[in-house]
Amino acid sequence: MQRLSGDATINPHYHGYFELFNQGHFYESHDVLEQLWLRQKNQPDYEFYKGLIQLAGAFVHLQKNRLKPAAALFRLSRSYLSRYPKIHERLDLESVLVELDRWLTFLERHSFEKNPLSEFETPKLILLSRNNSV
């Protein structure tokens, strides 16, 4: 993940989610972002954070070899994240959705009998700097 050191505009819980997710600590990333998400009820980014939490949750299920629940969370994550612009809160959501679809397609194509963790490296989520554009 691209470090944005010294950038006070990024909430530490949001930044921590990416740090932990990219280290493969999916439960912990979910837990950290949940603290921010719970304060966002009725705010524009509530479902955005919910989608990211569900994305991490899907990988928790994969780590526990619970493939159908992982697919369900990938679908839920997609349903929330796809409501936002291609780049939102410095995250290239278009790339995230492509990657999410790759994991979900693998699960479905293998009838939930093969874990994609055995085939793919887990994705890295990258926050863009303020000046970056995709």
Foldseek 3Di string as FASTA:
>chain_A
DDDPPPPPVDDPLQVVLQVCVQVVNLVVSLVSLVVVLVVQVVHPCNLVSVLSSLQSVLSVCLVVLNQVSSLVSLVSSCVSLVVDDCADQQWRSVVVNVVSVVQNVVCVVVVSPDRCVVPDDDDRTDGHDPPDDD
